[in-house]
């Protein structure tokens, strides 16, 4: 007799999408899990989700819809499906931010957040006095972080600069922080993005 505790459909806010997909697939065994993971979830992906949802199942099937960004058209196309899913179908949507999702999508499923579990350590570099050796050491120490972890370090560097070190950032430094997020979304090399930010502080000295 099946004793698996069924998980109801929901929205999961998490910076570590791939890890969450793997965790859910393991937790939901032996039930079937079909995952759709895209950098940018578009209408063609939504159509594939819809096709999968209407493949009838004797037991509960979970469809995971995961992306770092979701187009408005794709979300709108899934609204009726999310509101009235076929028999034995549960949807789990994973996004790094709640703001990625339309209010109409958020209203259809309960929201759970895992973001508090994935915090980065405090930045221990004084950005008012940072030198090139410290930059090199920092980059070496954080050489294997993921794109989403890198975004958290960008936030931590901004906090360290403006709140802890009380620096007034130049326009170039401010522009670099904006650019860092865009580059990470474009899958730029994490080391290069962090180096750009730190070198802008080391270059300001003297």
Protein backbone atom coordinates (compact mmCIF):
# COMPACT_ATOMS: atom_id res chain seq x y z
CA UNK A 1 0.00 0.00 0.00
CA UNK A 2 1.30 3.47 -0.94
CA UNK A 3 2.24 5.34 2.23
CA UNK A 4 3.93 8.27 0.46
CA UNK A 5 2.73 11.58 1.84
CA UNK A 6 1.46 13.58 -1.12
CA UNK A 7 2.82 17.08 -1.61
CA UNK A 8 0.35 19.68 -2.81
CA UNK A 9 1.16 22.07 -5.61
CA UNK A 10 2.97 25.25 -4.60
CA UNK A 11 5.39 28.00 -5.60
CA UNK A 12 8.91 27.68 -4.20
CA UNK A 13 11.16 30.75 -3.97
CA UNK A 14 14.78 29.63 -4.00
CA UNK A 15 18.18 30.78 -5.28
CA UNK A 16 19.34 27.20 -5.83
CA UNK A 17 16.90 25.93 -8.43
CA UNK A 18 18.80 22.85 -9.56
CA UNK A 19 19.33 21.70 -5.96
CA UNK A 20 15.63 22.11 -5.21
CA UNK A 21 14.64 20.10 -8.29
CA UNK A 22 16.97 17.28 -7.23
CA UNK A 23 15.64 17.41 -3.66
CA UNK A 24 12.02 17.23 -4.82
CA UNK A 25 12.72 14.39 -7.24
CA UNK A 26 14.26 12.39 -4.39
CA UNK A 27 11.53 13.24 -1.88
CA UNK A 28 8.71 12.38 -4.26
CA UNK A 29 9.98 8.93 -5.30
CA UNK A 30 8.48 6.61 -6.45
CA UNK A 31 5.92 9.03 -7.88
CA UNK A 32 6.60 10.43 -11.34
CA UNK A 33 8.21 13.88 -11.54
CA UNK A 34 8.61 15.76 -14.83
CA UNK A 35 10.83 18.83 -14.67
CA UNK A 36 10.95 21.79 -17.02
CA UNK A 37 13.97 23.97 -16.18
CA UNK A 38 14.83 26.96 -18.38
CA UNK A 39 16.80 30.16 -17.95
CA UNK A 40 13.88 32.00 -19.53
CA UNK A 41 10.53 30.20 -19.51
CA UNK A 42 8.72 31.08 -22.74
CA UNK A 43 5.46 30.22 -24.50
CA UNK A 44 7.00 27.19 -26.24
CA UNK A 45 7.94 25.77 -22.83
CA UNK A 46 4.45 26.46 -21.51
CA UNK A 47 3.00 24.45 -24.41
CA UNK A 48 5.21 21.48 -23.49
CA UNK A 49 4.03 21.73 -19.88
CA UNK A 50 0.41 21.75 -21.03
CA UNK A 51 0.96 18.67 -23.22
CA UNK A 52 2.57 16.82 -20.32
CA UNK A 53 -0.23 17.81 -17.93
CA UNK A 54 -2.86 16.22 -20.15
CA UNK A 55 -1.10 12.86 -20.33
CA UNK A 56 -3.33 10.92 -17.97
CA UNK A 57 -1.81 9.29 -14.89
CA UNK A 58 -3.14 6.63 -12.53
CA UNK A 59 -1.11 8.07 -9.62
CA UNK A 60 -0.15 11.62 -8.77
CA UNK A 61 2.36 13.17 -11.19
CA UNK A 62 4.32 16.28 -10.27
CA UNK A 63 5.25 18.81 -12.92
CA UNK A 64 8.04 21.16 -11.89
CA UNK A 65 8.20 24.47 -13.75
CA UNK A 66 11.50 26.15 -12.91
CA UNK A 67 13.27 29.19 -14.38
CA UNK A 68 15.28 32.26 -13.48
CA UNK A 69 12.85 34.34 -15.57
CA UNK A 70 9.30 33.80 -16.87
CA UNK A 71 7.73 35.64 -19.78
CA UNK A 72 4.31 37.19 -19.22
CA UNK A 73 2.81 35.39 -22.23
CA UNK A 74 3.97 32.00 -20.94
CA UNK A 75 2.53 32.63 -17.48
CA UNK A 76 -0.80 33.81 -18.83
CA UNK A 77 -1.09 30.71 -20.99
CA UNK A 78 -0.82 28.50 -17.88
CA UNK A 79 -3.36 30.29 -15.67
CA UNK A 80 -6.35 28.05 -16.41
CA UNK A 81 -4.20 24.92 -16.11
CA UNK A 82 -2.90 26.02 -12.71
CA UNK A 83 -6.39 26.86 -11.50
CA UNK A 84 -8.00 23.63 -12.74
CA UNK A 85 -5.24 21.02 -13.12
CA UNK A 86 -6.10 17.65 -14.69
CA UNK A 87 -6.75 14.69 -12.38
CA UNK A 88 -3.66 13.53 -10.44
CA UNK A 89 -1.51 16.47 -11.58
CA UNK A 90 0.28 18.75 -9.11
CA UNK A 91 2.36 21.77 -10.18
CA UNK A 92 5.45 23.07 -8.40
CA UNK A 93 6.85 26.38 -9.69
CA UNK A 94 10.39 27.34 -8.69
CA UNK A 95 11.66 30.90 -9.09
CA UNK A 96 14.52 32.87 -7.49
CA UNK A 97 12.17 35.78 -6.74
CA UNK A 98 8.45 36.21 -6.15
CA UNK A 99 8.46 39.31 -8.36
CA UNK A 100 9.25 37.11 -11.39
CA UNK A 101 5.70 35.77 -11.23
CA UNK A 102 2.48 37.54 -12.13
CA UNK A 103 0.05 38.24 -9.28
CA UNK A 104 -2.48 36.03 -11.07
CA UNK A 105 -0.02 33.12 -10.96
CA UNK A 106 0.92 33.78 -7.32
CA UNK A 107 -2.76 33.78 -6.35
CA UNK A 108 -3.28 30.23 -7.61
CA UNK A 109 -0.71 28.39 -5.48
CA UNK A 110 0.64 28.81 -1.94
CA UNK A 111 4.14 30.29 -1.76
CA UNK A 112 7.02 28.73 0.20
CA UNK A 113 10.44 30.34 0.51
CA UNK A 114 13.80 28.62 0.91
CA UNK A 115 15.90 31.73 0.40
CA UNK A 116 16.78 32.14 4.08
CA UNK A 117 18.65 28.81 3.92
CA UNK A 118 21.12 30.01 1.33
CA UNK A 119 22.96 32.98 2.82
CA UNK A 120 26.53 33.88 1.99
CA UNK A 121 29.15 34.69 4.59
CA UNK A 122 29.80 38.33 5.47
CA UNK A 123 32.38 40.12 3.32
CA UNK A 124 35.47 40.65 5.48
CA UNK A 125 37.31 42.99 3.08
CA UNK A 126 37.50 46.69 3.92
CA UNK A 127 36.63 48.14 0.52
CA UNK A 128 38.01 51.54 1.52
CA UNK A 129 41.50 50.01 1.74
CA UNK A 130 41.32 46.91 -0.46
CA UNK A 131 44.48 46.07 -2.41
CA UNK A 132 45.14 43.79 -5.36
CA UNK A 133 46.36 40.90 -3.20
CA UNK A 134 43.10 40.90 -1.23
CA UNK A 135 41.17 40.93 -4.51
CA UNK A 136 43.16 37.95 -5.77
CA UNK A 137 42.73 36.05 -2.50
CA UNK A 138 38.96 36.69 -2.48
CA UNK A 139 38.56 35.48 -6.07
CA UNK A 140 40.61 32.36 -5.36
CA UNK A 141 38.59 31.55 -2.23
CA UNK A 142 35.30 31.88 -4.12
CA UNK A 143 36.37 30.27 -7.38
CA UNK A 144 33.62 27.62 -7.44
CA UNK A 145 30.47 29.53 -6.50
CA UNK A 146 27.35 29.35 -8.65
CA UNK A 147 25.73 32.19 -10.55
CA UNK A 148 22.99 32.58 -7.93
CA UNK A 149 25.54 32.57 -5.11
CA UNK A 150 27.50 35.20 -7.02
CA UNK A 151 24.41 37.43 -7.05
CA UNK A 152 24.28 37.16 -3.26
CA UNK A 153 27.93 38.18 -3.07
CA UNK A 154 27.22 41.18 -5.28
CA UNK A 155 24.53 42.21 -2.77
CA UNK A 156 26.94 41.57 0.11
CA UNK A 157 29.65 43.69 -1.53
CA UNK A 158 27.20 46.55 -2.03
CA UNK A 159 26.13 46.31 1.63
CA UNK A 160 29.76 46.20 2.79
CA UNK A 161 30.66 49.25 0.70
CA UNK A 162 27.70 51.48 1.55
CA UNK A 163 26.72 50.42 5.09
CA UNK A 164 29.81 48.95 6.76
CA UNK A 165 32.58 50.97 5.10
CA UNK A 166 30.28 54.00 4.56
CA UNK A 167 31.70 54.76 1.12
CA UNK A 168 30.12 57.19 -1.32
CA UNK A 169 30.23 55.21 -4.53
CA UNK A 170 31.33 56.80 -7.77
CA UNK A 171 29.03 56.64 -10.79
CA UNK A 172 31.35 54.03 -12.30
CA UNK A 173 31.08 51.83 -9.22
CA UNK A 174 27.28 52.15 -9.15
CA UNK A 175 27.13 51.29 -12.84
CA UNK A 176 29.34 48.26 -12.20
CA UNK A 177 26.89 46.87 -9.64
CA UNK A 178 24.03 47.19 -12.13
CA UNK A 179 26.19 45.66 -14.84
CA UNK A 180 27.19 42.75 -12.57
CA UNK A 181 23.59 41.52 -12.26
CA UNK A 182 23.04 41.75 -16.01
CA UNK A 183 26.27 39.91 -16.79
CA UNK A 184 25.42 37.11 -14.34
CA UNK A 185 22.00 36.72 -15.96
CA UNK A 186 23.80 36.37 -19.29
CA UNK A 187 25.94 33.59 -17.77
CA UNK A 188 29.16 35.61 -17.74
CA UNK A 189 32.07 34.04 -15.89
CA UNK A 190 31.47 34.57 -12.16
CA UNK A 191 35.14 35.28 -11.44
CA UNK A 192 35.24 38.03 -14.08
CA UNK A 193 32.14 39.74 -12.69
CA UNK A 194 33.40 39.74 -9.09
CA UNK A 195 36.84 40.88 -10.25
CA UNK A 196 35.26 43.82 -12.07
CA UNK A 197 33.51 44.96 -8.90
CA UNK A 198 36.48 44.53 -6.55
CA UNK A 199 38.99 46.07 -8.93
CA UNK A 200 36.83 49.20 -9.17
CA UNK A 201 37.49 49.71 -5.44
CA UNK A 202 41.18 48.80 -5.57
CA UNK A 203 41.56 51.16 -8.53
CA UNK A 204 40.05 54.07 -6.55
CA UNK A 205 42.86 54.06 -3.99
CA UNK A 206 45.51 56.76 -4.19
